[in-house]
């Protein structure tokens, strides 16, 4: 059976933003390593993914673990997957994970991104902010 996580990986591998739309719940929350408050709602998260798909160089998933874990929003137990990835941003190699929680309808309801090292987090934050500003999704600093 193909899950939302499988379809998500395929969409990211193909850099297909349109394929992501149906995979996210309307009230999805995305927790970023460079912003304290989450991106909330499908339009905001899709806008962020549009920037990310342009920003990451050589993005690839290198592993996956499935199980369940508590969500950040309300602490409920949800089917989850941890996707390990590697990428480059502004010449900095990133090691990271995407923690994906699924809702009762099988779509992605919560998404947490963690990356290392700190220099890559800084490069990623700068590149993403520039992309969000360019797309009119964030005010200029």
Protein backbone atom coordinates (compact mmCIF):
# COMPACT_ATOMS: atom_id res chain seq x y z
CA UNK A 1 0.00 0.00 0.00
CA UNK A 2 1.35 3.42 -0.96
CA UNK A 3 1.17 5.93 1.89
CA UNK A 4 1.23 9.71 1.95
CA UNK A 5 4.87 9.43 3.05
CA UNK A 6 5.72 7.35 -0.05
CA UNK A 7 3.91 9.82 -2.30
CA UNK A 8 5.62 12.72 -0.51
CA UNK A 9 9.07 11.22 -1.15
CA UNK A 10 8.21 10.72 -4.83
CA UNK A 11 6.97 14.30 -5.16
CA UNK A 12 10.13 15.68 -3.55
CA UNK A 13 12.37 13.42 -5.65
CA UNK A 14 10.59 14.74 -8.76
CA UNK A 15 10.46 18.32 -7.42
CA UNK A 16 6.73 18.23 -8.11
CA UNK A 17 5.13 20.91 -5.94
CA UNK A 18 1.68 20.25 -7.40
CA UNK A 19 1.75 16.64 -6.17
CA UNK A 20 2.23 17.85 -2.57
CA UNK A 21 -1.05 19.76 -2.40
CA UNK A 22 -3.31 16.76 -1.76
CA UNK A 23 -0.85 15.16 0.70
CA UNK A 24 -1.18 17.87 3.37
CA UNK A 25 -4.12 18.42 5.70
CA UNK A 26 -5.68 21.88 5.52
CA UNK A 27 -4.31 22.72 8.99
CA UNK A 28 -0.80 21.23 8.58
CA UNK A 29 1.96 22.61 10.81
CA UNK A 30 5.59 22.65 9.73
CA UNK A 31 8.26 23.19 12.38
CA UNK A 32 11.40 24.66 10.82
CA UNK A 33 14.94 24.61 12.24
CA UNK A 34 15.27 28.35 11.56
CA UNK A 35 11.93 29.73 12.81
CA UNK A 36 10.55 29.39 16.33
CA UNK A 37 6.85 29.36 15.42
CA UNK A 38 5.56 26.82 12.91
CA UNK A 39 4.38 27.51 9.39
CA UNK A 40 0.64 26.86 9.65
CA UNK A 41 -1.88 25.88 7.00
CA UNK A 42 -1.57 24.29 3.58
CA UNK A 43 -0.96 27.55 1.63
CA UNK A 44 1.94 28.59 3.89
CA UNK A 45 3.53 25.13 3.87
CA UNK A 46 3.17 24.76 0.10
CA UNK A 47 4.75 28.20 -0.33
CA UNK A 48 7.66 27.13 1.85
CA UNK A 49 8.10 23.88 -0.12
CA UNK A 50 8.17 25.88 -3.34
CA UNK A 51 11.16 27.78 -1.94
CA UNK A 52 12.81 24.64 -0.54
CA UNK A 53 12.54 22.72 -3.79
CA UNK A 54 14.40 25.59 -5.52
CA UNK A 55 16.92 26.12 -2.72
CA UNK A 56 18.24 22.63 -1.97
CA UNK A 57 20.95 21.33 -4.28
CA UNK A 58 21.48 17.59 -4.65
CA UNK A 59 18.63 16.80 -2.24
CA UNK A 60 18.16 13.10 -1.59
CA UNK A 61 16.54 10.87 1.00
CA UNK A 62 18.97 8.28 2.36
CA UNK A 63 16.82 6.36 4.84
CA UNK A 64 13.43 5.97 6.49
CA UNK A 65 12.08 4.71 9.79
CA UNK A 66 8.36 4.19 10.48
CA UNK A 67 6.44 3.97 13.72
CA UNK A 68 4.38 6.34 15.83
CA UNK A 69 5.08 9.33 18.05
CA UNK A 70 3.38 12.21 19.80
CA UNK A 71 2.62 15.31 17.76
CA UNK A 72 3.87 18.70 18.89
CA UNK A 73 0.52 20.43 18.47
CA UNK A 74 -1.62 18.35 20.82
CA UNK A 75 0.50 15.43 22.04
CA UNK A 76 -1.67 12.78 20.41
CA UNK A 77 -0.03 9.58 19.21
CA UNK A 78 0.07 9.44 15.41
CA UNK A 79 1.56 7.19 12.74
CA UNK A 80 4.92 8.74 11.91
CA UNK A 81 7.96 8.41 9.70
CA UNK A 82 11.48 9.77 10.03
CA UNK A 83 13.08 10.51 6.66
CA UNK A 84 16.85 11.00 6.65
CA UNK A 85 18.20 13.33 3.99
CA UNK A 86 21.33 14.94 2.61
CA UNK A 87 21.52 18.12 0.57
CA UNK A 88 23.67 21.14 -0.17
CA UNK A 89 22.75 24.81 0.30
CA UNK A 90 25.14 27.62 -0.61
CA UNK A 91 28.04 25.17 -0.65
CA UNK A 92 27.22 23.79 2.82
CA UNK A 93 26.43 20.08 3.17
CA UNK A 94 23.35 19.42 5.26
CA UNK A 95 22.48 16.28 7.18
CA UNK A 96 18.87 16.27 8.26
CA UNK A 97 15.68 14.51 9.14
CA UNK A 98 12.04 15.12 8.37
CA UNK A 99 9.67 13.88 11.07
CA UNK A 100 6.29 13.34 9.43
CA UNK A 101 3.05 12.74 11.37
CA UNK A 102 -0.04 11.45 9.61
CA UNK A 103 -3.60 12.42 10.42
CA UNK A 104 -6.57 10.10 10.75
CA UNK A 105 -7.28 10.56 7.04
CA UNK A 106 -3.75 9.38 6.15
CA UNK A 107 -2.53 12.81 5.02
CA UNK A 108 0.42 14.68 6.52
CA UNK A 109 -0.72 16.80 9.47
CA UNK A 110 2.59 17.75 11.07
CA UNK A 111 6.12 18.03 9.73
CA UNK A 112 9.28 18.79 11.69
CA UNK A 113 12.63 19.46 10.01
CA UNK A 114 15.94 19.15 11.85
CA UNK A 115 19.32 19.85 10.24
CA UNK A 116 22.97 20.01 11.18
CA UNK A 117 25.63 21.43 11.36
CA UNK A 118 24.98 24.97 12.63
CA UNK A 119 26.71 26.55 9.62
CA UNK A 120 24.31 24.70 7.32
CA UNK A 121 21.33 25.82 9.42
CA UNK A 122 22.46 29.42 9.00
CA UNK A 123 22.97 29.05 5.23
CA UNK A 124 19.59 27.36 4.89
CA UNK A 125 17.84 30.06 6.93
CA UNK A 126 19.33 32.85 4.82
CA UNK A 127 18.48 31.13 1.53
CA UNK A 128 14.92 30.28 2.57
CA UNK A 129 14.24 33.80 3.88
CA UNK A 130 15.48 35.27 0.59
CA UNK A 131 13.19 32.89 -1.32
CA UNK A 132 10.16 33.67 0.85
CA UNK A 133 10.76 37.41 0.43
CA UNK A 134 11.20 37.00 -3.34
CA UNK A 135 7.91 35.06 -3.53
CA UNK A 136 6.08 37.68 -1.43
CA UNK A 137 5.53 35.19 1.41
CA UNK A 138 7.56 37.08 4.03
CA UNK A 139 8.43 40.74 4.58
CA UNK A 140 11.94 41.90 3.80
CA UNK A 141 14.15 41.96 6.91
